[in-house]
Amino acid sequence: MELEVKEVRKSRHIQDETTRMLWGVAAGMCEFHGCRNRLYKHHVTGENVNLAERAHIYAFSEKGKRFSRLLKRDKINDIDNLMLVCGICHKVIDSPNTDYSAKELLKMKKEHEERIIRLTNIKPELKSEVIIYNCNIANKPIRISDFIAQESITPEYYPARDTPVNLSPELRLYDYEDSFWNTMSTDLERCFAQYETSLRGKHISLFAIAPQPLLFKLGTLLNRNYDVSVRQSQGEITKWRWQKEDRSICLELPEPTCGIVNSNKVVITIEISAQLSSEELKDLFCGHRIYRIIATKCCPTAIKSRTDLQSVAKVYREILNKIRLECSPDVKIKLLPLAPSSVSIEIGRQHMKGDPSVSVYDRNFFTKEWASALTF
């Protein structure tokens, strides 16, 4: 009697144990890059419901997208070949109008699951209030992503809220308009007042991009009475993780020029992003005593670590103390910051009761002339 040999076909059935493990490593979130859908709750009604689908990275069928003969058939339904996704992203992955390779999907899965591991390894007490402040610079609107800001604080901290505290104005004004400075300053104060009480005693991660005088203003609000970690973008608005821990910036502190001791006309420049010429300063502030803080290598990405930021703030504070000792009691300081956002915020945080009056200057976008914007 002859035996009939039949081909054993691999079932599409995914074991319950594999599904449970997939839910665990994905933390119930869609693993498609950029999608933040929770797969256990409807995003509109808030009802608890299972919205998860299991997508094959290498296709189950020979006619499917991303089929590979190199993957053994008994591995098709393993967790390493599955992504937990929402229905919309599942359709995107397998649509004939898209072209996501297995390599791309494997990368998405790996990055998502590694991020979950980082977040779940954080100690429960390390919560941080994420604060974002965006404001138009000249004629350019700038926006910091909520997701990027929240992700950037891990694994040191994790967000205290689902969405960051956003102090950004909803007003469509630009810094070359006459009413800009006072309007934006008042708006920032009012926005901050809404959160002031709830922020006290908590760690704060601050992400901000705005004209320099408003950054200084933000620093005076989130002063040294608050536990603030000021963040700095690293060349791109999507990169906010510090590149180093140790100090990399070198500062030059030329002897104060012009003016006389006990003068009430003083200028401080902070030249980190770019450098001013000595001739320009003399023309602008003839008769003033000029203190300069200059980075040896001026560039917008000069602040690469917390240590860099604190070293600039320390020097600025020392100059303020020196001015209080050497200059007349009614001294007024004109401050010209050409610096990354974090520097202007941090020196604003140094402003204390009893310090001389400080007028923060800004260069007009159209005329290129320096003028006082806000006074503290």
Protein backbone atom coordinates (compact mmCIF):
# COMPACT_ATOMS: atom_id res chain seq x y z
CA MET A 1 0.00 0.00 0.00
CA GLU A 2 1.41 3.42 -0.97
CA LEU A 3 1.42 6.26 1.49
CA GLU A 4 0.19 9.63 0.33
CA VAL A 5 2.55 12.47 1.37
CA LYS A 6 0.78 15.76 1.95
CA GLU A 7 2.42 19.15 2.27
CA VAL A 8 2.13 20.51 5.81
CA ARG A 9 0.99 24.11 5.60
CA LYS A 10 1.90 26.61 8.28
CA SER A 11 -1.14 27.95 10.11
CA ARG A 12 -1.81 31.66 10.46
CA HIS A 13 -2.71 31.03 14.09
CA ILE A 14 -0.55 33.01 16.52
CA GLN A 15 -0.25 31.43 19.93
CA ASP A 16 -1.85 33.23 22.86
CA GLU A 17 1.48 33.21 24.70
CA THR A 18 3.15 35.02 21.78
CA THR A 19 0.36 37.61 21.71
CA ARG A 20 0.71 38.27 25.44
CA MET A 21 4.46 38.71 25.09
CA LEU A 22 3.95 41.07 22.14
CA TRP A 23 1.57 43.20 24.21
CA GLY A 24 4.17 43.29 26.96
CA VAL A 25 7.16 44.40 24.90
CA ALA A 26 5.04 47.01 23.07
CA ALA A 27 3.42 48.26 26.31
CA GLY A 28 0.05 48.32 24.58
CA MET A 29 1.16 51.04 22.14
CA CYS A 30 1.28 50.96 18.35
CA GLU A 31 4.84 50.12 17.28
CA PHE A 32 4.69 52.01 13.97
CA HIS A 33 7.18 54.90 14.16
CA GLY A 34 5.51 58.18 15.12
CA CYS A 35 2.14 56.63 16.02
CA ARG A 36 1.22 57.02 19.68
CA ASN A 37 -2.14 55.22 19.63
CA ARG A 38 -2.96 53.32 22.79
CA LEU A 39 -4.33 49.95 21.72
CA TYR A 40 -6.39 49.37 24.85
CA LYS A 41 -8.50 52.54 24.84
CA HIS A 42 -10.48 54.40 22.18
CA HIS A 43 -8.88 57.78 21.50
CA VAL A 44 -12.27 59.58 21.31
CA THR A 45 -14.63 57.88 23.76
CA GLY A 46 -12.01 56.71 26.25
CA GLU A 47 -13.67 53.30 26.43
CA ASN A 48 -11.50 50.28 27.20
CA VAL A 49 -11.39 48.18 24.05
CA ASN A 50 -8.82 45.98 22.30
CA LEU A 51 -7.76 47.84 19.15
CA ALA A 52 -4.55 45.88 18.55
CA GLU A 53 -3.65 44.03 15.37
CA ARG A 54 -0.61 41.81 14.79
CA ALA A 55 1.28 42.65 11.63
CA HIS A 56 3.80 40.29 10.02
CA ILE A 57 7.12 41.91 9.17
CA TYR A 58 8.11 39.19 6.70
CA ALA A 59 4.92 38.16 4.92
CA PHE A 60 3.07 34.97 5.79
CA SER A 61 2.07 34.32 2.18
CA GLU A 62 4.28 34.11 -0.89
CA LYS A 63 1.94 36.65 -2.47
CA GLY A 64 2.23 38.99 0.49
CA LYS A 65 4.45 42.05 0.80
CA ARG A 66 7.96 41.43 2.14
CA PHE A 67 7.91 37.66 1.61
CA SER A 68 11.30 35.99 2.13
CA ARG A 69 12.32 32.38 1.56
CA LEU A 70 15.23 32.94 3.95
CA LEU A 71 12.88 33.00 6.93
CA LYS A 72 11.96 29.51 8.06
CA ARG A 73 8.23 28.82 7.87
CA ASP A 74 8.08 27.80 11.52
CA LYS A 75 9.36 31.26 12.50
CA ILE A 76 6.68 33.25 10.64
CA ASN A 77 4.43 33.64 13.70
CA ASP A 78 7.23 34.20 16.23
CA ILE A 79 7.33 37.41 18.24
CA ASP A 80 10.46 38.56 16.38
CA ASN A 81 8.44 38.70 13.13
CA LEU A 82 5.40 40.48 14.60
CA MET A 83 4.54 44.09 15.34
CA LEU A 84 1.69 45.22 17.55
CA VAL A 85 -0.07 47.98 15.61
CA CYS A 86 -3.34 49.82 15.29
CA GLY A 87 -5.66 49.09 12.38
CA ILE A 88 -4.72 52.26 10.50
CA CYS A 89 -0.98 51.56 10.61
CA HIS A 90 -1.55 47.91 9.68
CA LYS A 91 -3.30 49.08 6.51
CA VAL A 92 -0.47 51.51 5.79
CA ILE A 93 2.17 48.80 6.18
CA ASP A 94 0.42 46.38 3.82
CA SER A 95 -1.06 48.87 1.36
CA PRO A 96 -0.05 48.41 -2.31
CA ASN A 97 0.58 52.16 -2.37
CA THR A 98 3.37 52.05 0.23
CA ASP A 99 6.78 50.46 0.23
CA TYR A 100 7.95 49.69 3.76
CA SER A 101 10.77 47.17 3.75
CA ALA A 102 11.22 44.47 6.37
CA LYS A 103 14.41 46.26 7.43
CA GLU A 104 12.48 49.48 8.13
CA LEU A 105 9.79 47.67 10.12
CA LEU A 106 12.35 45.73 12.15
CA LYS A 107 14.03 49.03 13.00
CA MET A 108 10.69 50.53 14.12
CA LYS A 109 9.99 47.51 16.31
CA LYS A 110 13.48 47.56 17.84
CA GLU A 111 13.42 51.31 18.61
CA HIS A 112 9.94 51.16 20.13
CA GLU A 113 10.69 48.19 22.37
CA GLU A 114 14.04 49.63 23.48
CA ARG A 115 12.30 52.90 24.41
CA ILE A 116 9.78 50.97 26.52
CA ILE A 117 12.63 49.25 28.35
CA ARG A 118 14.32 52.62 29.06
CA LEU A 119 11.11 54.16 30.36
CA THR A 120 10.17 51.24 32.58
CA ASN A 121 13.65 51.15 34.09
CA ILE A 122 13.25 54.70 35.44
CA LYS A 123 12.69 55.05 39.17
CA PRO A 124 9.08 56.07 39.96
CA GLU A 125 10.09 59.26 41.83
CA LEU A 126 11.92 60.72 38.82
CA LYS A 127 9.02 62.67 37.37
CA SER A 128 9.67 65.92 35.56
CA GLU A 129 7.30 68.65 34.46
CA VAL A 130 8.08 69.24 30.79
CA ILE A 131 7.63 72.89 29.82
CA ILE A 132 7.73 74.16 26.24
CA TYR A 133 7.96 77.77 25.11
CA ASN A 134 7.92 78.64 21.41
CA CYS A 135 7.81 82.17 20.07
CA ASN A 136 8.36 83.57 16.58
CA ILE A 137 11.89 84.73 15.84
CA ALA A 138 11.83 87.55 13.29
CA ASN A 139 9.44 86.24 10.62
CA LYS A 140 9.96 82.56 11.38
CA PRO A 141 7.45 80.56 13.44
CA ILE A 142 9.15 77.77 15.42
CA ARG A 143 7.54 74.79 17.14
CA ILE A 144 9.10 72.25 19.51
CA SER A 145 7.42 68.85 19.29
CA ASP A 146 5.70 67.58 22.46
CA PHE A 147 6.86 64.06 21.67
CA ILE A 148 10.50 65.07 21.08
CA ALA A 149 10.63 67.06 24.33
CA GLN A 150 9.13 64.24 26.40
CA GLU A 151 11.36 61.60 24.87
CA SER A 152 14.50 63.73 25.32
CA ILE A 153 14.33 63.66 29.12
CA THR A 154 14.49 59.85 29.31
CA PRO A 155 16.03 57.82 30.88
CA GLU A 156 16.97 60.39 33.54
CA TYR A 157 13.36 61.44 34.07
CA TYR A 158 9.93 60.71 32.68
CA PRO A 159 7.08 63.13 31.97
CA ALA A 160 4.81 63.99 34.89
CA ARG A 161 1.88 64.64 32.51
CA ASP A 162 0.54 63.14 29.30
CA THR A 163 1.14 66.46 27.54
CA PRO A 164 3.73 69.15 28.37
CA VAL A 165 2.95 72.49 29.97
CA ASN A 166 2.97 74.87 27.02
CA LEU A 167 3.59 78.56 27.74
CA SER A 168 3.73 79.53 24.06
CA PRO A 169 1.69 82.53 22.92
CA GLU A 170 -1.23 82.07 20.56
CA LEU A 171 -0.73 85.61 19.26
CA ARG A 172 0.48 86.15 15.70
CA LEU A 173 2.99 88.90 16.30
CA TYR A 174 6.58 89.24 15.14
CA ASP A 175 9.53 90.82 16.93
CA TYR A 176 9.83 93.71 14.49
CA GLU A 177 6.33 94.99 15.40
CA ASP A 178 6.12 97.90 17.85
CA SER A 179 3.87 96.19 20.40
CA PHE A 180 5.65 92.83 20.28
CA TRP A 181 7.87 92.95 23.39
CA ASN A 182 5.38 94.27 25.94
CA THR A 183 2.54 92.13 24.59
CA MET A 184 4.56 88.92 24.58
CA SER A 185 6.09 89.64 27.99
CA THR A 186 2.66 90.17 29.54
CA ASP A 187 1.27 87.08 27.82
CA LEU A 188 4.15 84.95 29.17
CA GLU A 189 3.54 86.20 32.72
CA ARG A 190 -0.17 85.35 32.49
CA CYS A 191 0.47 81.88 31.06
CA PHE A 192 3.06 81.14 33.73
CA ALA A 193 0.75 82.34 36.52
CA GLN A 194 -1.70 79.54 35.63
CA TYR A 195 0.89 76.87 36.50
CA GLU A 196 3.11 78.63 39.06
CA THR A 197 1.66 76.95 42.16
CA SER A 198 1.59 73.45 40.67
CA LEU A 199 5.24 73.70 39.53
CA ARG A 200 6.75 74.59 42.89
CA GLY A 201 8.74 71.80 44.49
CA LYS A 202 8.84 69.75 41.28
CA HIS A 203 11.62 69.04 38.83
CA ILE A 204 11.19 70.96 35.57
CA SER A 205 12.63 70.18 32.13
CA LEU A 206 12.53 73.37 30.08
CA PHE A 207 12.58 73.49 26.27
CA ALA A 208 12.45 76.93 24.68
CA ILE A 209 13.18 78.77 21.46
CA ALA A 210 12.33 82.46 21.28
CA PRO A 211 13.91 85.91 20.89
CA GLN A 212 16.63 86.53 23.49
CA PRO A 213 14.79 89.12 25.64
CA LEU A 214 11.82 86.76 26.09
CA LEU A 215 14.13 83.90 27.00
CA PHE A 216 15.69 86.13 29.69
CA LYS A 217 12.15 86.94 30.87
CA LEU A 218 11.34 83.22 31.05
CA GLY A 219 14.46 82.73 33.17
CA THR A 220 13.37 85.41 35.66
CA LEU A 221 10.02 83.62 36.06
CA LEU A 222 11.56 80.15 36.45
CA ASN A 223 14.27 81.53 38.70
CA ARG A 224 16.51 79.76 41.20
CA ASN A 225 13.53 79.09 43.47
CA TYR A 226 12.59 76.34 41.01
CA ASP A 227 14.37 73.07 40.26
CA VAL A 228 14.91 73.61 36.53
CA SER A 229 16.94 71.70 33.99
CA VAL A 230 17.27 74.03 30.99
CA ARG A 231 17.65 72.07 27.75
CA GLN A 232 19.50 73.10 24.59
CA SER A 233 18.84 71.93 21.03
CA GLN A 234 21.91 70.32 19.52
CA GLY A 235 22.00 71.76 16.01
CA GLU A 236 18.47 70.65 15.09
CA ILE A 237 15.09 71.29 16.67
CA THR A 238 14.57 67.52 16.93
CA LYS A 239 17.75 66.89 18.97
CA TRP A 240 17.76 67.94 22.62
CA ARG A 241 19.92 65.35 24.35
CA TRP A 242 23.19 66.67 25.75
CA GLN A 243 26.18 65.54 23.70
CA LYS A 244 28.62 65.58 26.62
CA GLU A 245 28.69 65.68 30.41
CA ASP A 246 31.99 67.51 30.88
CA ARG A 247 32.87 71.05 29.88
CA SER A 248 33.83 71.70 26.27
CA ILE A 249 33.38 75.47 25.96
CA CYS A 250 36.29 77.87 26.53
CA LEU A 251 35.58 81.48 27.46
CA GLU A 252 37.59 84.65 26.99
CA LEU A 253 37.07 87.54 29.40
CA PRO A 254 38.79 90.66 28.06
CA GLU A 255 39.46 93.46 30.53
CA PRO A 256 36.50 95.89 30.66
CA THR A 257 36.93 98.57 28.01
CA CYS A 258 36.01 102.26 28.00
CA GLY A 259 34.14 103.98 30.78
CA ILE A 260 35.44 104.52 34.31
CA VAL A 261 35.05 102.86 37.69
CA ASN A 262 31.85 104.02 39.49
CA SER A 263 30.26 104.79 36.13
CA ASN A 264 26.51 104.18 35.87
CA LYS A 265 26.80 103.20 32.20
CA VAL A 266 27.65 99.51 31.82
CA VAL A 267 27.31 96.97 29.01
CA ILE A 268 27.59 93.17 29.23
CA THR A 269 27.86 91.13 26.05
CA ILE A 270 27.50 87.36 25.92
CA GLU A 271 29.05 86.28 22.64
CA ILE A 272 28.58 82.53 22.30
CA SER A 273 26.74 82.05 18.99
CA ALA A 274 28.52 84.92 17.24
CA GLN A 275 31.01 87.66 18.05
CA LEU A 276 30.60 91.42 17.92
CA SER A 277 33.36 93.63 16.60
CA SER A 278 35.11 95.97 19.02
CA GLU A 279 34.46 98.86 16.63
CA GLU A 280 30.71 98.20 16.62
CA LEU A 281 30.61 98.15 20.41
CA LYS A 282 32.55 101.40 20.69
CA ASP A 283 30.22 103.10 18.20
CA LEU A 284 27.10 101.83 19.98
CA PHE A 285 28.20 102.42 23.55
CA CYS A 286 30.73 105.18 23.64
CA GLY A 287 31.59 106.07 27.24
CA HIS A 288 30.23 102.81 28.65
CA ARG A 289 32.20 100.31 30.67
CA ILE A 290 31.97 97.10 28.59
CA TYR A 291 32.27 93.59 29.99
CA ARG A 292 32.49 90.81 27.43
CA ILE A 293 32.01 87.03 27.75
CA ILE A 294 33.29 85.48 24.52
CA ALA A 295 33.44 81.84 23.47
CA THR A 296 36.81 80.95 21.96
CA LYS A 297 34.92 79.26 19.13
CA CYS A 298 31.63 81.09 18.59
CA CYS A 299 28.88 78.98 17.03
CA PRO A 300 25.18 78.22 17.65
CA THR A 301 26.06 74.72 18.93
CA ALA A 302 28.72 75.82 21.43
CA ILE A 303 26.68 74.64 24.44
CA LYS A 304 27.02 70.85 24.43
CA SER A 305 26.63 69.99 28.13
CA ARG A 306 25.07 71.15 31.37
CA THR A 307 28.59 72.00 32.50
CA ASP A 308 29.03 74.35 29.53
CA LEU A 309 25.78 76.10 30.41
CA GLN A 310 26.61 76.47 34.08
CA SER A 311 30.12 77.78 33.34
CA VAL A 312 28.67 80.68 31.31
CA ALA A 313 26.06 81.42 33.99
CA LYS A 314 28.73 81.40 36.70
CA VAL A 315 30.91 83.92 34.86
CA TYR A 316 27.88 86.16 34.23
CA ARG A 317 26.99 86.06 37.94
CA GLU A 318 30.56 86.95 38.89
CA ILE A 319 30.47 89.98 36.57
CA LEU A 320 27.17 91.11 38.11
CA ASN A 321 28.70 90.88 41.58
CA LYS A 322 31.74 92.85 40.42
CA ILE A 323 29.55 95.59 38.95
CA ARG A 324 27.61 95.85 42.22
CA LEU A 325 30.90 96.40 44.06
CA GLU A 326 32.71 98.70 41.64
CA CYS A 327 30.01 100.81 40.00
CA SER A 328 27.68 103.48 41.31
CA PRO A 329 24.49 102.40 43.15
CA ASP A 330 22.24 103.61 40.34
CA VAL A 331 24.12 101.67 37.64
CA LYS A 332 22.05 100.45 34.71
CA ILE A 333 23.20 97.48 32.67
CA LYS A 334 22.66 97.01 28.95
CA LEU A 335 22.78 93.32 28.07
CA LEU A 336 23.52 92.07 24.55
CA PRO A 337 23.12 88.27 24.33
CA LEU A 338 24.30 86.53 21.17
CA ALA A 339 23.84 83.08 22.60
CA PRO A 340 22.00 79.77 22.38
CA SER A 341 18.53 79.78 23.97
CA SER A 342 19.62 77.95 27.12
CA VAL A 343 22.19 80.65 27.96
CA SER A 344 19.71 83.52 27.85
CA ILE A 345 17.30 81.54 30.05
CA GLU A 346 20.01 80.58 32.56
CA ILE A 347 21.37 84.10 32.93
CA GLY A 348 17.79 85.30 33.42
CA ARG A 349 17.55 82.81 36.28
CA GLN A 350 20.58 84.50 37.88
CA HIS A 351 18.70 87.81 38.21
CA MET A 352 18.17 88.48 41.93
CA LYS A 353 16.59 91.09 44.12
CA GLY A 354 19.16 93.83 44.67
CA ASP A 355 20.80 93.40 41.26
CA PRO A 356 21.17 96.47 39.05
CA SER A 357 18.51 97.20 36.44
CA VAL A 358 19.12 95.16 33.27
CA SER A 359 17.86 96.18 29.81
CA VAL A 360 18.04 93.28 27.37
CA TYR A 361 18.82 94.43 23.85
CA ASP A 362 17.73 92.84 20.59
CA ARG A 363 18.83 93.40 17.01
CA ASN A 364 15.95 94.47 14.74
CA PHE A 365 15.33 91.97 11.96
CA PHE A 366 14.90 94.65 9.29
CA THR A 367 17.10 97.57 10.35
CA LYS A 368 19.84 95.38 11.95
CA GLU A 369 20.10 97.99 14.70
CA TRP A 370 20.36 97.19 18.40
CA ALA A 371 17.63 98.54 20.69
CA SER A 372 16.39 97.94 24.21
CA ALA A 373 13.52 95.41 24.22
CA LEU A 374 12.72 94.58 27.87
CA THR A 375 13.99 95.96 31.17
CA PHE A 376 14.17 94.04 34.45
